[in-house]
C-alpha cells in the first residue's frame, strides 16, 4: 500500500474510519456566537469559529500528513503543540486527526489567488495517547481586518468535527515582527485580539502560549483544546460498520523498545494487513497476516525486525471482509 492510499485511509477517501470528504460539511463544535465557551466536565468547550475564507479540502494533496508546514516560507520558527481533550471528563482524546492552516508572513494563503496550487502552511497530524500533536510552523503575518491567528479543525469521527481558531499574546507577536522587519514587511500587527470580529465573543480559551526556548532556539507555543466527547465516542456510520467486524485495543507497552502487543478482536474472519508510517507520513513497514479467524488475536509489533529508529509512528490495521476494507490506527512511540 503506498502513501497516497494510507492518506486516504486516514480519512481522505470513502471507506475510511476517520474523517471522509463529507467532513468538509461536518458539524462544528457547538454554536457559540453568543458566549465565549460552555463549561462541561470541568474544562471549557472551544468556541466554534468559521473555517475562514481560505480553507482547502486536504484530499487534494497527499503532502498534508506532516509536521513541518513551512515549505521554506520565511518567518520566526514556532513549535506548535496542541492537546485535545474531551469535555465530559477532560481526559485526552487519542487517535483523532487535527488539521491546521494559516497565512504566511505576508498574509497570503496557499491555494488561493496567485498562490493557487501551492500547499504551504497547511498540515494535519494524529493525536498520541496523551491527545497531543506537534507542528513546526512560523508565526504567521496579518492582513486587514484580522489579527495574527491560526485555523484548526479536530476530526473526532466521520460524524463530528470541531472547527475553531486561536491567536497568541499580542505583545509577543508585535515584538517578533519588530525584531524581523525584513521578514514581516507589513510591520507589527495593528490589531489586538479583542478588536478582531472573529474573537468578539471572547478568546480566553483560544489564546496559545508563545515562549522562546533558548535550548532549541525556537519559540514554543502550547494550546489545550476541549471538544465534545469522552475519548473517541462520537461514532459515525463508517465506525458503526467497522465495529460490526472488529475492535482494536491499545498498543502495550507504549513507548516500547523491543516489541509491543495490540489486541485485535475479530467478529468475523477477515484478511488483516499491518502498515507502519513515520510521523512525516512515509510508509516504513508492511506485513500481511492473511485471513484471521473469528476471535481475539494478540498481534505482535516486532520493533527489532522492523529496524525502526526511535521516534513516533502510526500503526494502521486494514481489515478486509466481504470485499470491503475497514481501517483503524494507533499512535506509538519507540524509545
Protein backbone atom coordinates (compact mmCIF):
# COMPACT_ATOMS: atom_id res chain seq x y z
CA UNK A 1 0.00 0.00 0.00
CA UNK A 2 1.50 3.34 -0.99
CA UNK A 3 1.48 6.63 0.87
CA UNK A 4 -1.45 8.00 -1.09
CA UNK A 5 -3.64 5.05 -0.12
CA UNK A 6 -2.58 5.46 3.50
CA UNK A 7 -3.62 9.10 3.47
CA UNK A 8 -6.97 8.09 2.03
CA UNK A 9 -7.46 5.53 4.78
CA UNK A 10 -6.84 8.20 7.40
CA UNK A 11 -9.97 9.90 6.24
CA UNK A 12 -9.19 11.31 2.85
CA UNK A 13 -11.40 8.96 0.85
CA UNK A 14 -14.58 6.95 1.21
CA UNK A 15 -14.34 3.78 3.27
CA UNK A 16 -12.12 5.32 5.97
CA UNK A 17 -12.67 5.06 9.68
CA UNK A 18 -11.70 8.64 10.41
CA UNK A 19 -12.92 11.74 8.57
CA UNK A 20 -14.00 11.36 4.96
CA UNK A 21 -14.71 14.01 2.32
CA UNK A 22 -18.10 14.65 3.89
CA UNK A 23 -16.23 16.19 6.82
CA UNK A 24 -15.87 19.34 4.74
CA UNK A 25 -19.53 19.91 5.58
CA UNK A 26 -19.41 18.37 9.05
CA UNK A 27 -20.79 19.88 12.21
CA UNK A 28 -18.76 22.46 14.07
CA UNK A 29 -18.02 22.06 17.76
CA UNK A 30 -21.03 23.96 19.05
CA UNK A 31 -22.57 27.30 18.11
CA UNK A 32 -21.12 29.89 20.47
CA UNK A 33 -21.56 33.31 18.88
CA UNK A 34 -23.42 34.50 21.95
CA UNK A 35 -20.92 33.31 24.56
CA UNK A 36 -17.24 32.66 24.91
CA UNK A 37 -17.43 28.97 25.75
CA UNK A 38 -19.51 26.37 27.51
CA UNK A 39 -18.17 24.68 30.61
CA UNK A 40 -18.66 20.92 30.69
CA UNK A 41 -16.99 18.34 32.89
CA UNK A 42 -14.62 20.93 34.36
CA UNK A 43 -12.99 22.11 31.10
CA UNK A 44 -14.09 24.74 28.61
CA UNK A 45 -15.54 23.79 25.23
CA UNK A 46 -13.54 25.51 22.49
CA UNK A 47 -15.69 28.20 20.85
CA UNK A 48 -16.75 27.41 17.31
CA UNK A 49 -15.41 29.71 14.58
CA UNK A 50 -15.74 29.89 10.84
CA UNK A 51 -13.12 27.92 8.90
CA UNK A 52 -12.44 31.27 7.22
CA UNK A 53 -12.34 32.29 3.56
CA UNK A 54 -9.27 30.18 2.82
CA UNK A 55 -9.91 26.51 3.73
CA UNK A 56 -8.77 23.72 1.43
CA UNK A 57 -10.01 20.17 1.06
CA UNK A 58 -6.96 18.23 2.22
CA UNK A 59 -7.90 15.36 -0.08
CA UNK A 60 -6.43 17.42 -2.93
CA UNK A 61 -2.83 16.78 -1.92
CA UNK A 62 -1.01 13.89 -0.29
CA UNK A 63 1.66 16.04 1.37
CA UNK A 64 -0.51 17.34 4.18
CA UNK A 65 0.22 14.47 6.61
CA UNK A 66 3.34 16.09 8.04
CA UNK A 67 4.72 18.09 10.95
CA UNK A 68 6.65 20.84 9.18
CA UNK A 69 4.22 23.13 7.38
CA UNK A 70 6.67 25.87 6.34
CA UNK A 71 7.87 24.69 2.92
CA UNK A 72 10.69 27.23 3.17
CA UNK A 73 8.48 30.21 3.98
CA UNK A 74 10.45 32.83 5.96
CA UNK A 75 9.35 33.73 9.47
CA UNK A 76 10.08 33.18 13.14
CA UNK A 77 10.04 29.44 13.83
CA UNK A 78 7.33 28.22 16.19
CA UNK A 79 6.97 24.70 17.57
CA UNK A 80 3.20 24.46 17.89
CA UNK A 81 1.90 21.88 20.34
CA UNK A 82 -1.79 21.12 20.83
CA UNK A 83 -3.53 18.79 23.26
CA UNK A 84 -7.08 17.61 22.56
CA UNK A 85 -9.32 16.63 25.49
CA UNK A 86 -12.99 15.67 25.86
CA UNK A 87 -15.34 17.99 27.73
CA UNK A 88 -17.07 15.18 29.63
CA UNK A 89 -14.06 14.28 31.76
CA UNK A 90 -11.22 16.49 30.44
CA UNK A 91 -9.18 13.39 29.54
CA UNK A 92 -7.03 13.13 26.38
CA UNK A 93 -8.54 12.12 23.06
CA UNK A 94 -6.03 9.88 21.27
CA UNK A 95 -6.02 8.93 17.59
CA UNK A 96 -8.03 11.89 16.31
CA UNK A 97 -6.97 13.99 13.34
CA UNK A 98 -6.02 17.65 13.79
CA UNK A 99 -5.82 19.93 10.73
CA UNK A 100 -4.14 23.35 10.92
CA UNK A 101 -3.69 26.12 8.37
CA UNK A 102 -2.69 29.79 8.36
CA UNK A 103 -1.26 32.53 6.15
CA UNK A 104 2.46 33.17 5.68
CA UNK A 105 4.41 36.20 6.95
CA UNK A 106 2.96 38.32 4.12
CA UNK A 107 -0.65 37.44 4.92
CA UNK A 108 -1.03 35.10 1.91
CA UNK A 109 -2.78 31.71 1.97
CA UNK A 110 -1.63 28.82 -0.18
CA UNK A 111 -4.13 27.58 -2.73
CA UNK A 112 -5.76 30.95 -3.46
CA UNK A 113 -5.23 33.73 -6.00
CA UNK A 114 -1.59 33.99 -7.02
CA UNK A 115 -0.85 31.13 -4.59
CA UNK A 116 -3.18 28.64 -6.30
CA UNK A 117 -1.62 25.17 -6.47
CA UNK A 118 0.75 25.84 -3.55
CA UNK A 119 0.46 23.96 -0.26
CA UNK A 120 2.49 25.84 2.39
CA UNK A 121 1.24 26.43 5.93
CA UNK A 122 -1.20 23.51 5.92
CA UNK A 123 -0.96 20.05 7.51
CA UNK A 124 -2.57 17.50 9.76
CA UNK A 125 -1.40 15.10 12.42
CA UNK A 126 -2.87 12.28 14.54
CA UNK A 127 -3.00 12.76 18.31
CA UNK A 128 -0.92 10.45 20.50
CA UNK A 129 -2.05 8.67 23.67
CA UNK A 130 -1.91 11.98 25.56
CA UNK A 131 -4.09 13.67 22.97
CA UNK A 132 -1.14 15.69 21.67
CA UNK A 133 0.12 16.75 18.24
CA UNK A 134 3.11 18.89 17.32
CA UNK A 135 3.72 21.03 14.24
CA UNK A 136 6.68 23.10 13.04
CA UNK A 137 5.44 26.44 11.80
CA UNK A 138 6.27 30.12 11.66
CA UNK A 139 4.43 32.92 13.39
CA UNK A 140 2.08 34.00 10.57
CA UNK A 141 1.61 37.56 9.44
CA UNK A 142 -1.61 39.53 9.36
CA UNK A 143 -3.95 41.03 6.79
CA UNK A 144 -6.53 43.83 7.03
CA UNK A 145 -9.34 43.08 9.44
CA UNK A 146 -7.70 40.07 11.09
CA UNK A 147 -5.29 39.69 13.96
CA UNK A 148 -2.45 37.15 13.70
CA UNK A 149 -4.20 33.77 14.00
CA UNK A 150 -4.25 30.06 13.19
CA UNK A 151 -7.17 27.97 11.91
CA UNK A 152 -7.68 24.38 13.06
CA UNK A 153 -10.14 21.52 12.84
CA UNK A 154 -10.38 18.48 15.11
CA UNK A 155 -11.88 15.47 13.32
CA UNK A 156 -13.28 13.34 16.13
CA UNK A 157 -15.11 10.97 13.80
CA UNK A 158 -16.90 10.83 10.47
CA UNK A 159 -19.95 12.41 12.10
CA UNK A 160 -18.36 15.20 14.13
CA UNK A 161 -15.60 17.77 13.82
CA UNK A 162 -14.80 20.89 15.82
CA UNK A 163 -13.71 23.99 13.85
CA UNK A 164 -12.08 26.96 15.53
CA UNK A 165 -9.18 29.44 15.54
CA UNK A 166 -6.60 30.64 18.01
CA UNK A 167 -4.20 33.52 18.43
CA UNK A 168 -1.14 34.42 20.53
CA UNK A 169 -0.35 37.14 23.09
CA UNK A 170 -0.44 40.40 21.12
CA UNK A 171 2.69 41.87 22.70
CA UNK A 172 4.75 38.81 21.77
CA UNK A 173 3.54 38.91 18.15
CA UNK A 174 4.39 42.61 17.90
CA UNK A 175 7.85 42.01 19.38
CA UNK A 176 8.62 39.27 16.84
CA UNK A 177 7.52 41.43 13.89
CA UNK A 178 9.54 44.41 15.12
CA UNK A 179 12.64 42.23 15.51
CA UNK A 180 12.44 40.97 11.89
CA UNK A 181 11.22 43.82 9.68
CA UNK A 182 12.89 42.24 6.65
CA UNK A 183 10.53 39.25 7.01
CA UNK A 184 7.40 40.85 8.45
CA UNK A 185 7.43 43.64 5.88
CA UNK A 186 3.91 44.85 6.77
CA UNK A 187 5.13 45.71 10.24
CA UNK A 188 3.64 44.57 13.54
CA UNK A 189 0.02 43.56 13.82
CA UNK A 190 -2.04 46.77 14.22
CA UNK A 191 -4.96 44.90 15.81
CA UNK A 192 -5.33 43.37 19.22
CA UNK A 193 -7.36 40.13 19.51
CA UNK A 194 -10.24 41.90 21.23
CA UNK A 195 -10.62 44.11 18.13
CA UNK A 196 -10.95 41.13 15.80
CA UNK A 197 -14.56 40.27 14.99
CA UNK A 198 -13.76 36.52 14.98
CA UNK A 199 -12.89 36.77 18.68
CA UNK A 200 -15.64 39.26 19.57
CA UNK A 201 -17.24 36.70 21.88
CA UNK A 202 -14.01 36.34 23.85
CA UNK A 203 -10.81 34.41 23.26
CA UNK A 204 -9.82 33.20 26.72
CA UNK A 205 -9.81 29.59 25.52
CA UNK A 206 -8.27 30.45 22.15
CA UNK A 207 -5.05 32.06 23.35
CA UNK A 208 -1.96 29.90 22.88
CA UNK A 209 1.25 30.49 24.77
CA UNK A 210 4.33 31.81 22.95
CA UNK A 211 7.67 31.48 24.74
CA UNK A 212 11.21 31.41 23.34
CA UNK A 213 13.22 28.30 24.24
CA UNK A 214 16.95 29.05 24.24
CA UNK A 215 17.92 25.39 24.24
CA UNK A 216 16.18 24.58 20.96
CA UNK A 217 16.47 28.11 19.54
CA UNK A 218 12.80 28.34 18.74
CA UNK A 219 9.55 29.74 20.04
CA UNK A 220 7.27 27.12 21.59
CA UNK A 221 3.50 27.50 21.64
CA UNK A 222 1.01 25.39 23.59
CA UNK A 223 -2.77 25.20 23.41
CA UNK A 224 -5.22 22.81 25.05
CA UNK A 225 -8.46 22.31 23.11
CA UNK A 226 -11.58 20.79 24.65
CA UNK A 227 -14.13 19.29 22.26
CA UNK A 228 -17.38 17.40 22.77
CA UNK A 229 -16.93 13.83 23.94
CA UNK A 230 -15.38 11.33 26.30
CA UNK A 231 -12.47 9.95 24.41
CA UNK A 232 -13.44 8.99 20.88
CA UNK A 233 -17.14 8.43 21.44
CA UNK A 234 -18.69 10.35 18.55
CA UNK A 235 -19.46 7.49 16.19
CA UNK A 236 -20.41 7.92 12.55
CA UNK A 237 -21.74 5.44 10.02
CA UNK A 238 -18.34 4.10 8.98
CA UNK A 239 -17.31 3.46 12.57
CA UNK A 240 -20.58 1.66 13.18
CA UNK A 241 -19.93 -0.60 10.20
CA UNK A 242 -16.33 -1.28 11.31
CA UNK A 243 -17.47 -2.09 14.87
CA UNK A 244 -19.56 -4.93 13.46
CA UNK A 245 -16.35 -6.51 12.19
CA UNK A 246 -13.62 -5.79 14.75
CA UNK A 247 -12.37 -3.85 17.74
CA UNK A 248 -8.76 -2.76 18.21
CA UNK A 249 -7.13 -2.44 21.61
CA UNK A 250 -4.29 -0.21 22.72
CA UNK A 251 -0.64 -0.85 21.95
CA UNK A 252 1.26 -2.03 25.03
CA UNK A 253 3.87 -1.25 26.13
CA UNK A 254 3.93 2.23 24.67
CA UNK A 255 6.59 3.64 24.49
CA UNK A 256 8.41 0.45 23.56
CA UNK A 257 11.98 -0.61 22.83
CA UNK A 258 11.85 -4.20 21.52
CA UNK A 259 8.24 -5.15 20.82
CA UNK A 260 4.63 -4.38 21.69
CA UNK A 261 1.30 -6.19 21.57
CA UNK A 262 -2.07 -4.95 20.32
CA UNK A 263 -5.28 -6.92 20.80
CA UNK A 264 -7.45 -7.40 17.72
CA UNK A 265 -10.92 -8.85 18.31
CA UNK A 266 -12.45 -10.14 15.06
CA UNK A 267 -16.18 -10.73 14.95
CA UNK A 268 -15.89 -12.43 11.56
CA UNK A 269 -12.97 -13.97 9.63
CA UNK A 270 -11.06 -11.19 7.87
CA UNK A 271 -7.90 -10.57 5.91
CA UNK A 272 -5.51 -8.50 8.04
CA UNK A 273 -2.69 -6.21 6.94
CA UNK A 274 -0.49 -4.07 9.18
CA UNK A 275 1.15 -0.88 7.91
CA UNK A 276 3.52 1.38 9.85
CA UNK A 277 4.16 5.01 8.93
CA UNK A 278 6.59 7.55 10.30
CA UNK A 279 5.06 10.72 11.69
CA UNK A 280 6.12 12.50 8.49
CA UNK A 281 3.80 10.25 6.50
CA UNK A 282 6.30 7.82 4.93
CA UNK A 283 5.44 4.12 4.94
CA UNK A 284 8.22 2.23 6.69
CA UNK A 285 6.75 -1.26 7.12
CA UNK A 286 4.05 -3.58 5.78
CA UNK A 287 3.05 -7.03 6.99
CA UNK A 288 0.27 -9.18 5.54
CA UNK A 289 -1.15 -11.58 8.13
CA UNK A 290 -3.55 -13.31 5.75
CA UNK A 291 -7.04 -14.37 6.79
CA UNK A 292 -7.54 -14.50 10.57
CA UNK A 293 -10.36 -16.42 12.19
CA UNK A 294 -13.06 -15.02 14.40
CA UNK A 295 -11.85 -14.31 17.94
CA UNK A 296 -9.18 -12.40 19.84
CA UNK A 297 -5.69 -12.19 18.34
CA UNK A 298 -2.73 -10.65 20.13
CA UNK A 299 -0.74 -9.10 17.30
CA UNK A 300 2.97 -8.58 17.92
CA UNK A 301 4.65 -5.41 16.70
CA UNK A 302 8.27 -6.52 16.43
CA UNK A 303 10.28 -3.32 16.52
CA UNK A 304 13.61 -5.11 16.14
CA UNK A 305 12.65 -6.85 12.90
CA UNK A 306 11.13 -3.62 11.56
CA UNK A 307 14.51 -1.93 12.09
CA UNK A 308 12.90 1.31 13.19
CA UNK A 309 14.75 4.10 14.95
CA UNK A 310 13.40 5.93 18.00
CA UNK A 311 10.52 8.31 17.39
CA UNK A 312 6.75 8.46 16.85
CA UNK A 313 4.88 6.22 14.43
CA UNK A 314 1.36 5.38 13.26
CA UNK A 315 0.38 1.71 13.08
CA UNK A 316 -2.55 1.11 10.74
CA UNK A 317 -4.67 -2.06 10.59
CA UNK A 318 -6.55 -2.88 7.38
CA UNK A 319 -9.35 -5.43 7.78
CA UNK A 320 -11.00 -6.82 4.63
CA UNK A 321 -14.26 -8.78 4.76
CA UNK A 322 -16.82 -9.43 2.01
CA UNK A 323 -14.93 -7.20 -0.39
CA UNK A 324 -14.87 -4.14 1.88
CA UNK A 325 -11.83 -2.84 3.77
CA UNK A 326 -12.07 -1.05 7.10
CA UNK A 327 -9.22 0.75 8.84
CA UNK A 328 -8.14 1.75 12.31
CA UNK A 329 -4.83 3.01 13.63
CA UNK A 330 -2.85 3.68 16.78
CA UNK A 331 -0.01 6.06 17.55
CA UNK A 332 3.02 4.52 19.26
CA UNK A 333 6.47 5.63 20.33
CA UNK A 334 9.81 3.82 20.10
CA UNK A 335 12.13 4.96 22.87
